Structures are given as structure tokens and as C-alpha cells.
Amino acid sequence: MTLSKMYFEHSFLLGDRDTYLCRIYDEENWVGHCKYYRIQEEYDEVCIEYIHIDKNYRKRGYATALVKELQSKYGLKWDYSFTGEGRKWYDTLVKKGVVSV
């Protein structure tokens, strides 16, 4: 499976801090989304609050591509609050060198 036709749509969410929503599409199909926020206004670092990939698209590389998309725009920090499945995924990212601890 190729992810070459994937694209991301970032939008600002109103709230008490700089919070954003990133929707993930594969061609014209919605694949999932994530919510992330700027850690401090003066820094270009963000923290992912959560990632949701539709069950029909899981384990195909979309969440990893999302992380790479955010890393291309910001410094990425983690709060290390993961579900069991999310922890396994994150550990794989570390092992593959996509993110560093």
C-alpha cells in the first residue's frame, strides 16, 4: 500500500491555549485526525494530545506519517500518556529512529 496520495489539513481550535486539529486524508477519504497544542507560545514545539485513526486504516502507516508531518513543521514533544496500543506504536517509532526519547 502506498501513502503517496495522503494529505493533511491543519486548523486552529479556539480554546485556552494554541490548539490545533490535523485531519488526515487518503485521496478523498478521511483516515483520521489528531489534536495537538503548542507547548509555549514563543516556541515552535507542539505536543500531541491524541491521535485517532479510523479502524479501517490502522496499522498502515498513517499515524507515523502524521508524526513525520508534525516534525516537519515543529519540534515534537511527548507527554508519554499512551494507551497500551499507543505505547507499542510509540516504542516502534523509537526503535525505527522516527522519534528520539
PDB file of N, CA and C in Angstrom:
ATOM      1  N   MET A   1       0.839  -1.191   0.000  1.00  0.00           N
ATOM      2  CA  MET A   1       0.000   0.000   0.000  1.00  0.00           C
ATOM      3  C   MET A   1       0.878   1.248   0.000  1.00  0.00           C
ATOM      4  N   THR A   2       0.536   2.206  -0.826  1.00  0.00           N
ATOM      5  CA  THR A   2       1.283   3.453  -0.883  1.00  0.00           C
ATOM      6  C   THR A   2       0.509   4.565  -0.172  1.00  0.00           C
ATOM      7  N   LEU A   3       1.243   5.431   0.477  1.00  0.00           N
ATOM      8  CA  LEU A   3       0.628   6.558   1.166  1.00  0.00           C
ATOM      9  C   LEU A   3       0.867   7.859   0.400  1.00  0.00           C
ATOM     10  N   SER A   4       1.235   7.768  -0.874  1.00  0.00           N
ATOM     11  CA  SER A   4       1.661   8.951  -1.633  1.00  0.00           C
ATOM     12  C   SER A   4       0.543   9.965  -1.861  1.00  0.00           C
ATOM     13  N   LYS A   5      -0.720   9.551  -1.826  1.00  0.00           N
ATOM     14  CA  LYS A   5      -1.810  10.484  -2.080  1.00  0.00           C
ATOM     15  C   LYS A   5      -2.407  11.041  -0.794  1.00  0.00           C
ATOM     16  N   MET A   6      -1.728  10.812   0.300  1.00  0.00           N
ATOM     17  CA  MET A   6      -2.195  11.290   1.591  1.00  0.00           C
ATOM     18  C   MET A   6      -1.944  12.795   1.706  1.00  0.00           C
ATOM     19  N   TYR A   7      -2.867  13.475   2.378  1.00  0.00           N
ATOM     20  CA  TYR A   7      -2.617  14.874   2.695  1.00  0.00           C
ATOM     21  C   TYR A   7      -3.196  15.216   4.051  1.00  0.00           C
ATOM     22  N   PHE A   8      -2.727  16.336   4.595  1.00  0.00           N
ATOM     23  CA  PHE A   8      -3.064  16.766   5.946  1.00  0.00           C
ATOM     24  C   PHE A   8      -3.726  18.134   5.882  1.00  0.00           C
ATOM     25  N   GLU A   9      -4.703  18.334   6.719  1.00  0.00           N
ATOM     26  CA  GLU A   9      -5.419  19.604   6.790  1.00  0.00           C
ATOM     27  C   GLU A   9      -5.356  20.086   8.236  1.00  0.00           C
ATOM     28  N   HIS A  10      -4.589  21.142   8.486  1.00  0.00           N
ATOM     29  CA  HIS A  10      -4.411  21.687   9.838  1.00  0.00           C
ATOM     30  C   HIS A  10      -5.385  22.850  10.049  1.00  0.00           C
ATOM     31  N   SER A  11      -5.999  22.899  11.228  1.00  0.00           N
ATOM     32  CA  SER A  11      -6.862  24.024  11.558  1.00  0.00           C
ATOM     33  C   SER A  11      -6.705  24.376  13.033  1.00  0.00           C
ATOM     34  N   PHE A  12      -6.849  25.647  13.326  1.00  0.00           N
ATOM     35  CA  PHE A  12      -6.730  26.161  14.687  1.00  0.00           C
ATOM     36  C   PHE A  12      -8.049  25.950  15.421  1.00  0.00           C
ATOM     37  N   LEU A  13      -7.977  25.525  16.668  1.00  0.00           N
ATOM     38  CA  LEU A  13      -9.166  25.376  17.510  1.00  0.00           C
ATOM     39  C   LEU A  13      -9.147  26.460  18.577  1.00  0.00           C
ATOM     40  N   LEU A  14     -10.250  27.097  18.775  1.00  0.00           N
ATOM     41  CA  LEU A  14     -10.323  28.116  19.819  1.00  0.00           C
ATOM     42  C   LEU A  14     -10.299  27.432  21.181  1.00  0.00           C
ATOM     43  N   GLY A  15      -9.603  28.027  22.095  1.00  0.00           N
ATOM     44  CA  GLY A  15      -9.512  27.438  23.428  1.00  0.00           C
ATOM     45  C   GLY A  15      -8.584  28.246  24.307  1.00  0.00           C
ATOM     46  N   ASP A  16      -8.162  27.637  25.382  1.00  0.00           N
ATOM     47  CA  ASP A  16      -7.333  28.346  26.349  1.00  0.00           C
ATOM     48  C   ASP A  16      -5.850  28.282  26.021  1.00  0.00           C
ATOM     49  N   ARG A  17      -5.471  27.575  24.981  1.00  0.00           N
ATOM     50  CA  ARG A  17      -4.083  27.542  24.521  1.00  0.00           C
ATOM     51  C   ARG A  17      -4.091  27.334  23.015  1.00  0.00           C
ATOM     52  N   ASP A  18      -2.947  27.443  22.397  1.00  0.00           N
ATOM     53  CA  ASP A  18      -2.855  27.250  20.949  1.00  0.00           C
ATOM     54  C   ASP A  18      -3.053  25.774  20.631  1.00  0.00           C
ATOM     55  N   THR A  19      -4.276  25.408  20.264  1.00  0.00           N
ATOM     56  CA  THR A  19      -4.626  24.028  19.989  1.00  0.00           C
ATOM     57  C   THR A  19      -5.041  23.896  18.539  1.00  0.00           C
ATOM     58  N   TYR A  20      -4.649  22.783  17.925  1.00  0.00           N
ATOM     59  CA  TYR A  20      -4.888  22.561  16.509  1.00  0.00           C
ATOM     60  C   TYR A  20      -5.465  21.172  16.273  1.00  0.00           C
ATOM     61  N   LEU A  21      -6.155  21.038  15.163  1.00  0.00           N
ATOM     62  CA  LEU A  21      -6.661  19.755  14.709  1.00  0.00           C
ATOM     63  C   LEU A  21      -6.025  19.486  13.356  1.00  0.00           C
ATOM     64  N   CYS A  22      -5.544  18.284  13.177  1.00  0.00           N
ATOM     65  CA  CYS A  22      -4.979  17.892  11.886  1.00  0.00           C
ATOM     66  C   CYS A  22      -5.785  16.706  11.379  1.00  0.00           C
ATOM     67  N   ARG A  23      -6.456  16.905  10.251  1.00  0.00           N
ATOM     68  CA  ARG A  23      -7.208  15.816   9.621  1.00  0.00           C
ATOM     69  C   ARG A  23      -6.316  15.142   8.587  1.00  0.00           C
ATOM     70  N   ILE A  24      -6.440  13.836   8.506  1.00  0.00           N
ATOM     71  CA  ILE A  24      -5.626  13.049   7.578  1.00  0.00           C
ATOM     72  C   ILE A  24      -6.553  12.464   6.515  1.00  0.00           C
ATOM     73  N   TYR A  25      -6.178  12.646   5.266  1.00  0.00           N
ATOM     74  CA  TYR A  25      -6.957  12.117   4.152  1.00  0.00           C
ATOM     75  C   TYR A  25      -6.071  11.264   3.259  1.00  0.00           C
ATOM     76  N   ASP A  26      -6.652  10.240   2.686  1.00  0.00           N
ATOM     77  CA  ASP A  26      -6.008   9.410   1.680  1.00  0.00           C
ATOM     78  C   ASP A  26      -6.857   9.579   0.438  1.00  0.00           C
ATOM     79  N   GLU A  27      -6.325  10.291  -0.539  1.00  0.00           N
ATOM     80  CA  GLU A  27      -7.099  10.734  -1.692  1.00  0.00           C
ATOM     81  C   GLU A  27      -8.255  11.567  -1.158  1.00  0.00           C
ATOM     82  N   GLU A  28      -9.483  11.122  -1.286  1.00  0.00           N
ATOM     83  CA  GLU A  28     -10.627  11.897  -0.792  1.00  0.00           C
ATOM     84  C   GLU A  28     -11.241  11.302   0.471  1.00  0.00           C
ATOM     85  N   ASN A  29     -10.652  10.239   0.989  1.00  0.00           N
ATOM     86  CA  ASN A  29     -11.203   9.553   2.154  1.00  0.00           C
ATOM     87  C   ASN A  29     -10.587  10.070   3.447  1.00  0.00           C
ATOM     88  N   TRP A  30     -11.448  10.355   4.430  1.00  0.00           N
ATOM     89  CA  TRP A  30     -10.979  10.720   5.752  1.00  0.00           C
ATOM     90  C   TRP A  30     -10.405   9.474   6.405  1.00  0.00           C
ATOM     91  N   VAL A  31      -9.185   9.577   6.902  1.00  0.00           N
ATOM     92  CA  VAL A  31      -8.491   8.449   7.521  1.00  0.00           C
ATOM     93  C   VAL A  31      -8.487   8.592   9.039  1.00  0.00           C
ATOM     94  N   GLY A  32      -8.307   9.807   9.522  1.00  0.00           N
ATOM     95  CA  GLY A  32      -8.237  10.033  10.956  1.00  0.00           C
ATOM     96  C   GLY A  32      -7.881  11.476  11.246  1.00  0.00           C
ATOM     97  N   HIS A  33      -7.546  11.732  12.494  1.00  0.00           N
ATOM     98  CA  HIS A  33      -7.175  13.091  12.891  1.00  0.00           C
ATOM     99  C   HIS A  33      -6.362  13.038  14.175  1.00  0.00           C
ATOM    100  N   CYS A  34      -5.758  14.156  14.477  1.00  0.00           N
ATOM    101  CA  CYS A  34      -5.089  14.290  15.763  1.00  0.00           C
ATOM    102  C   CYS A  34      -5.321  15.693  16.283  1.00  0.00           C
ATOM    103  N   LYS A  35      -5.210  15.820  17.580  1.00  0.00           N
ATOM    104  CA  LYS A  35      -5.294  17.113  18.244  1.00  0.00           C
ATOM    105  C   LYS A  35      -3.936  17.365  18.877  1.00  0.00           C
ATOM    106  N   TYR A  36      -3.390  18.529  18.636  1.00  0.00           N
ATOM    107  CA  TYR A  36      -2.095  18.875  19.207  1.00  0.00           C
ATOM    108  C   TYR A  36      -2.104  20.336  19.639  1.00  0.00           C
ATOM    109  N   TYR A  37      -1.169  20.684  20.508  1.00  0.00           N
ATOM    110  CA  TYR A  37      -1.141  22.048  21.025  1.00  0.00           C
ATOM    111  C   TYR A  37       0.295  22.541  21.143  1.00  0.00           C
ATOM    112  N   ARG A  38       0.415  23.846  21.026  1.00  0.00           N
ATOM    113  CA  ARG A  38       1.713  24.500  21.189  1.00  0.00           C
ATOM    114  C   ARG A  38       2.031  24.539  22.671  1.00  0.00           C
ATOM    115  N   ILE A  39       3.225  24.090  23.034  1.00  0.00           N
ATOM    116  CA  ILE A  39       3.605  23.983  24.438  1.00  0.00           C
ATOM    117  C   ILE A  39       3.739  25.365  25.073  1.00  0.00           C
ATOM    118  N   GLN A  40       4.489  26.245  24.423  1.00  0.00           N
ATOM    119  CA  GLN A  40       4.619  27.623  24.872  1.00  0.00           C
ATOM    120  C   GLN A  40       4.540  28.507  23.634  1.00  0.00           C
ATOM    121  N   GLU A  41       3.879  29.619  23.776  1.00  0.00           N
ATOM    122  CA  GLU A  41       3.615  30.490  22.636  1.00  0.00           C
ATOM    123  C   GLU A  41       4.882  30.897  21.887  1.00  0.00           C
ATOM    124  N   GLU A  42       5.953  31.127  22.616  1.00  0.00           N
ATOM    125  CA  GLU A  42       7.171  31.641  21.976  1.00  0.00           C
ATOM    126  C   GLU A  42       8.035  30.550  21.328  1.00  0.00           C
ATOM    127  N   TYR A  43       7.671  29.285  21.461  1.00  0.00           N
ATOM    128  CA  TYR A  43       8.466  28.196  20.898  1.00  0.00           C
ATOM    129  C   TYR A  43       7.672  27.441  19.840  1.00  0.00           C
ATOM    130  N   ASP A  44       8.376  26.937  18.858  1.00  0.00           N
ATOM    131  CA  ASP A  44       7.744  26.117  17.825  1.00  0.00           C
ATOM    132  C   ASP A  44       7.818  24.646  18.198  1.00  0.00           C
ATOM    133  N   GLU A  45       7.281  24.328  19.372  1.00  0.00           N
ATOM    134  CA  GLU A  45       7.206  22.953  19.839  1.00  0.00           C
ATOM    135  C   GLU A  45       5.744  22.635  20.130  1.00  0.00           C
ATOM    136  N   VAL A  46       5.335  21.436  19.732  1.00  0.00           N
ATOM    137  CA  VAL A  46       3.967  21.018  19.998  1.00  0.00           C
ATOM    138  C   VAL A  46       3.967  19.658  20.683  1.00  0.00           C
ATOM    139  N   CYS A  47       2.854  19.371  21.328  1.00  0.00           N
ATOM    140  CA  CYS A  47       2.630  18.088  21.979  1.00  0.00           C
ATOM    141  C   CYS A  47       1.336  17.508  21.415  1.00  0.00           C
ATOM    142  N   ILE A  48       1.379  16.258  21.030  1.00  0.00           N
ATOM    143  CA  ILE A  48       0.185  15.598  20.519  1.00  0.00           C
ATOM    144  C   ILE A  48      -0.685  15.208  21.706  1.00  0.00           C
ATOM    145  N   GLU A  49      -1.927  15.662  21.697  1.00  0.00           N
ATOM    146  CA  GLU A  49      -2.857  15.290  22.760  1.00  0.00           C
ATOM    147  C   GLU A  49      -3.432  13.900  22.484  1.00  0.00           C
ATOM    148  N   TYR A  50      -3.805  13.652  21.236  1.00  0.00           N
ATOM    149  CA  TYR A  50      -4.238  12.312  20.861  1.00  0.00           C
ATOM    150  C   TYR A  50      -4.209  12.157  19.347  1.00  0.00           C
ATOM    151  N   ILE A  51      -4.159  10.918  18.914  1.00  0.00           N
ATOM    152  CA  ILE A  51      -4.249  10.561  17.500  1.00  0.00           C
ATOM    153  C   ILE A  51      -5.363   9.531  17.380  1.00  0.00           C
ATOM    154  N   HIS A  52      -6.240   9.744  16.411  1.00  0.00           N
ATOM    155  CA  HIS A  52      -7.284   8.763  16.127  1.00  0.00           C
ATOM    156  C   HIS A  52      -7.203   8.397  14.645  1.00  0.00           C
ATOM    157  N   ILE A  53      -7.012   7.122  14.390  1.00  0.00           N
ATOM    158  CA  ILE A  53      -7.045   6.601  13.022  1.00  0.00           C
ATOM    159  C   ILE A  53      -8.253   5.673  12.942  1.00  0.00           C
ATOM    160  N   ASP A  54      -9.088   5.866  11.925  1.00  0.00           N
ATOM    161  CA  ASP A  54     -10.252   5.016  11.744  1.00  0.00           C
ATOM    162  C   ASP A  54      -9.823   3.558  11.697  1.00  0.00           C
ATOM    163  N   LYS A  55     -10.631   2.690  12.290  1.00  0.00           N
ATOM    164  CA  LYS A  55     -10.251   1.269  12.399  1.00  0.00           C
ATOM    165  C   LYS A  55      -9.963   0.618  11.050  1.00  0.00           C
ATOM    166  N   ASN A  56     -10.557   1.114   9.970  1.00  0.00           N
ATOM    167  CA  ASN A  56     -10.307   0.550   8.637  1.00  0.00           C
ATOM    168  C   ASN A  56      -8.945   0.935   8.068  1.00  0.00           C
ATOM    169  N   TYR A  57      -8.255   1.889   8.707  1.00  0.00           N
ATOM    170  CA  TYR A  57      -6.974   2.377   8.189  1.00  0.00           C
ATOM    171  C   TYR A  57      -5.812   2.157   9.155  1.00  0.00           C
ATOM    172  N   ARG A  58      -6.047   1.499  10.256  1.00  0.00           N
ATOM    173  CA  ARG A  58      -4.994   1.308  11.257  1.00  0.00           C
ATOM    174  C   ARG A  58      -3.928   0.339  10.768  1.00  0.00           C
ATOM    175  N   LYS A  59      -2.732   0.522  11.332  1.00  0.00           N
ATOM    176  CA  LYS A  59      -1.562  -0.322  11.045  1.00  0.00           C
ATOM    177  C   LYS A  59      -1.163  -0.286   9.578  1.00  0.00           C
ATOM    178  N   ARG A  60      -1.325   0.892   8.978  1.00  0.00           N
ATOM    179  CA  ARG A  60      -0.930   1.097   7.583  1.00  0.00           C
ATOM    180  C   ARG A  60       0.062   2.239   7.425  1.00  0.00           C
ATOM    181  N   GLY A  61       0.472   2.856   8.535  1.00  0.00           N
ATOM    182  CA  GLY A  61       1.479   3.905   8.472  1.00  0.00           C
ATOM    183  C   GLY A  61       0.950   5.323   8.545  1.00  0.00           C
ATOM    184  N   TYR A  62      -0.355   5.495   8.684  1.00  0.00           N
ATOM    185  CA  TYR A  62      -0.914   6.852   8.706  1.00  0.00           C
ATOM    186  C   TYR A  62      -0.498   7.637   9.949  1.00  0.00           C
ATOM    187  N   ALA A  63      -0.535   7.020  11.121  1.00  0.00           N
ATOM    188  CA  ALA A  63      -0.146   7.731  12.344  1.00  0.00           C
ATOM    189  C   ALA A  63       1.334   8.100  12.301  1.00  0.00           C
ATOM    190  N   THR A  64       2.159   7.206  11.769  1.00  0.00           N
ATOM    191  CA  THR A  64       3.593   7.504  11.635  1.00  0.00           C
ATOM    192  C   THR A  64       3.808   8.650  10.661  1.00  0.00           C
ATOM    193  N   ALA A  65       3.069   8.647   9.556  1.00  0.00           N
ATOM    194  CA  ALA A  65       3.168   9.754   8.595  1.00  0.00           C
ATOM    195  C   ALA A  65       2.734  11.067   9.232  1.00  0.00           C
ATOM    196  N   LEU A  66       1.740  11.008  10.101  1.00  0.00           N
ATOM    197  CA  LEU A  66       1.295  12.202  10.811  1.00  0.00           C
ATOM    198  C   LEU A  66       2.395  12.749  11.702  1.00  0.00           C
ATOM    199  N   VAL A  67       3.066  11.873  12.423  1.00  0.00           N
ATOM    200  CA  VAL A  67       4.179  12.302  13.274  1.00  0.00           C
ATOM    201  C   VAL A  67       5.257  12.973  12.415  1.00  0.00           C
ATOM    202  N   LYS A  68       5.581  12.388  11.287  1.00  0.00           N
ATOM    203  CA  LYS A  68       6.589  12.983  10.394  1.00  0.00           C
ATOM    204  C   LYS A  68       6.118  14.335   9.873  1.00  0.00           C
ATOM    205  N   GLU A  69       4.835  14.472   9.578  1.00  0.00           N
ATOM    206  CA  GLU A  69       4.275  15.750   9.132  1.00  0.00           C
ATOM    207  C   GLU A  69       4.466  16.813  10.212  1.00  0.00           C
ATOM    208  N   LEU A  70       4.127  16.487  11.453  1.00  0.00           N
ATOM    209  CA  LEU A  70       4.294  17.454  12.535  1.00  0.00           C
ATOM    210  C   LEU A  70       5.763  17.778  12.776  1.00  0.00           C
ATOM    211  N   GLN A  71       6.630  16.772  12.677  1.00  0.00           N
ATOM    212  CA  GLN A  71       8.062  17.009  12.858  1.00  0.00           C
ATOM    213  C   GLN A  71       8.624  17.918  11.770  1.00  0.00           C
ATOM    214  N   SER A  72       8.021  17.921  10.596  1.00  0.00           N
ATOM    215  CA  SER A  72       8.499  18.793   9.519  1.00  0.00           C
ATOM    216  C   SER A  72       8.141  20.253   9.783  1.00  0.00           C
ATOM    217  N   LYS A  73       7.189  20.494  10.665  1.00  0.00           N
ATOM    218  CA  LYS A  73       6.736  21.853  10.966  1.00  0.00           C
ATOM    219  C   LYS A  73       7.168  22.347  12.349  1.00  0.00           C
ATOM    220  N   TYR A  74       7.297  21.423  13.302  1.00  0.00           N
ATOM    221  CA  TYR A  74       7.532  21.785  14.699  1.00  0.00           C
ATOM    222  C   TYR A  74       8.523  20.837  15.354  1.00  0.00           C
ATOM    223  N   GLY A  75       9.023  21.269  16.506  1.00  0.00           N
ATOM    224  CA  GLY A  75       9.667  20.333  17.405  1.00  0.00           C
ATOM    225  C   GLY A  75       8.549  19.571  18.086  1.00  0.00           C
ATOM    226  N   LEU A  76       8.694  18.280  18.212  1.00  0.00           N
ATOM    227  CA  LEU A  76       7.623  17.456  18.754  1.00  0.00           C
ATOM    228  C   LEU A  76       8.008  16.932  20.130  1.00  0.00           C
ATOM    229  N   LYS A  77       7.169  17.187  21.114  1.00  0.00           N
ATOM    230  CA  LYS A  77       7.357  16.709  22.474  1.00  0.00           C
ATOM    231  C   LYS A  77       6.253  15.700  22.780  1.00  0.00           C
ATOM    232  N   TRP A  78       6.520  14.826  23.716  1.00  0.00           N
ATOM    233  CA  TRP A  78       5.566  13.792  24.102  1.00  0.00           C
ATOM    234  C   TRP A  78       5.280  13.893  25.584  1.00  0.00           C
ATOM    235  N   ASP A  79       4.035  13.651  25.988  1.00  0.00           N
ATOM    236  CA  ASP A  79       3.721  13.606  27.417  1.00  0.00           C
ATOM    237  C   ASP A  79       3.756  12.174  27.937  1.00  0.00           C
ATOM    238  N   TYR A  80       3.958  11.224  27.047  1.00  0.00           N
ATOM    239  CA  TYR A  80       4.113   9.803  27.379  1.00  0.00           C
ATOM    240  C   TYR A  80       2.866   9.193  28.006  1.00  0.00           C
ATOM    241  N   SER A  81       1.713   9.790  27.779  1.00  0.00           N
ATOM    242  CA  SER A  81       0.431   9.203  28.204  1.00  0.00           C
ATOM    243  C   SER A  81      -0.138   8.458  27.006  1.00  0.00           C
ATOM    244  N   PHE A  82       0.035   7.156  26.993  1.00  0.00           N
ATOM    245  CA  PHE A  82      -0.395   6.352  25.856  1.00  0.00           C
ATOM    246  C   PHE A  82      -1.373   5.275  26.291  1.00  0.00           C
ATOM    247  N   THR A  83      -2.214   4.853  25.358  1.00  0.00           N
ATOM    248  CA  THR A  83      -2.973   3.624  25.563  1.00  0.00           C
ATOM    249  C   THR A  83      -1.978   2.478  25.394  1.00  0.00           C
ATOM    250  N   GLY A  84      -2.385   1.264  25.704  1.00  0.00           N
ATOM    251  CA  GLY A  84      -1.498   0.116  25.514  1.00  0.00           C
ATOM    252  C   GLY A  84      -1.053  -0.013  24.062  1.00  0.00           C
ATOM    253  N   GLU A  85      -2.000   0.126  23.141  1.00  0.00           N
ATOM    254  CA  GLU A  85      -1.682   0.052  21.710  1.00  0.00           C
ATOM    255  C   GLU A  85      -0.789   1.214  21.291  1.00  0.00           C
ATOM    256  N   GLY A  86      -1.074   2.397  21.844  1.00  0.00           N
ATOM    257  CA  GLY A  86      -0.274   3.573  21.534  1.00  0.00           C
ATOM    258  C   GLY A  86       1.164   3.443  22.029  1.00  0.00           C
ATOM    259  N   ARG A  87       1.344   2.832  23.182  1.00  0.00           N
ATOM    260  CA  ARG A  87       2.685   2.615  23.732  1.00  0.00           C
ATOM    261  C   ARG A  87       3.494   1.705  22.815  1.00  0.00           C
ATOM    262  N   LYS A  88       2.887   0.630  22.321  1.00  0.00           N
ATOM    263  CA  LYS A  88       3.574  -0.280  21.398  1.00  0.00           C
ATOM    264  C   LYS A  88       3.970   0.461  20.132  1.00  0.00           C
ATOM    265  N   TRP A  89       3.056   1.281  19.612  1.00  0.00           N
ATOM    266  CA  TRP A  89       3.329   2.062  18.404  1.00  0.00           C
ATOM    267  C   TRP A  89       4.483   3.038  18.654  1.00  0.00           C
ATOM    268  N   TYR A  90       4.433   3.764  19.774  1.00  0.00           N
ATOM    269  CA  TYR A  90       5.491   4.717  20.099  1.00  0.00           C
ATOM    270  C   TYR A  90       6.839   4.009  20.236  1.00  0.00           C
ATOM    271  N   ASP A  91       6.865   2.884  20.922  1.00  0.00           N
ATOM    272  CA  ASP A  91       8.112   2.131  21.076  1.00  0.00           C
ATOM    273  C   ASP A  91       8.674   1.717  19.713  1.00  0.00           C
ATOM    274  N   THR A  92       7.804   1.384  18.774  1.00  0.00           N
ATOM    275  CA  THR A  92       8.236   1.056  17.411  1.00  0.00           C
ATOM    276  C   THR A  92       8.834   2.286  16.731  1.00  0.00           C
ATOM    277  N   LEU A  93       8.219   3.462  16.939  1.00  0.00           N
ATOM    278  CA  LEU A  93       8.772   4.698  16.377  1.00  0.00           C
ATOM    279  C   LEU A  93      10.183   4.962  16.901  1.00  0.00           C
ATOM    280  N   VAL A  94      10.382   4.731  18.186  1.00  0.00           N
ATOM    281  CA  VAL A  94      11.701   4.929  18.792  1.00  0.00           C
ATOM    282  C   VAL A  94      12.684   3.939  18.192  1.00  0.00           C
ATOM    283  N   LYS A  95      12.286   2.671  18.102  1.00  0.00           N
ATOM    284  CA  LYS A  95      13.153   1.617  17.584  1.00  0.00           C
ATOM    285  C   LYS A  95      13.563   1.887  16.136  1.00  0.00           C
ATOM    286  N   LYS A  96      12.655   2.453  15.340  1.00  0.00           N
ATOM    287  CA  LYS A  96      12.937   2.756  13.935  1.00  0.00           C
ATOM    288  C   LYS A  96      13.657   4.087  13.754  1.00  0.00           C
ATOM    289  N   GLY A  97      13.813   4.846  14.836  1.00  0.00           N
ATOM    290  CA  GLY A  97      14.505   6.121  14.756  1.00  0.00           C
ATOM    291  C   GLY A  97      13.651   7.268  14.234  1.00  0.00           C
ATOM    292  N   VAL A  98      12.332   7.086  14.188  1.00  0.00           N
ATOM    293  CA  VAL A  98      11.440   8.147  13.744  1.00  0.00           C
ATOM    294  C   VAL A  98      11.378   9.257  14.786  1.00  0.00           C
ATOM    295  N   VAL A  99      11.354   8.866  16.059  1.00  0.00           N
ATOM    296  CA  VAL A  99      11.398   9.825  17.169  1.00  0.00           C
ATOM    297  C   VAL A  99      12.528   9.420  18.106  1.00  0.00           C
ATOM    298  N   SER A 100      12.992  10.377  18.869  1.00  0.00           N
ATOM    299  CA  SER A 100      14.018  10.072  19.869  1.00  0.00           C
ATOM    300  C   SER A 100      13.454  10.319  21.247  1.00  0.00           C
ATOM    301  N   VAL A 101      13.989   9.619  22.212  1.00  0.00           N
ATOM    302  CA  VAL A 101      13.497   9.728  23.586  1.00  0.00           C
ATOM    303  C   VAL A 101      14.124  10.912  24.265  1.00  0.00           C
TER     304      VAL A 101
END
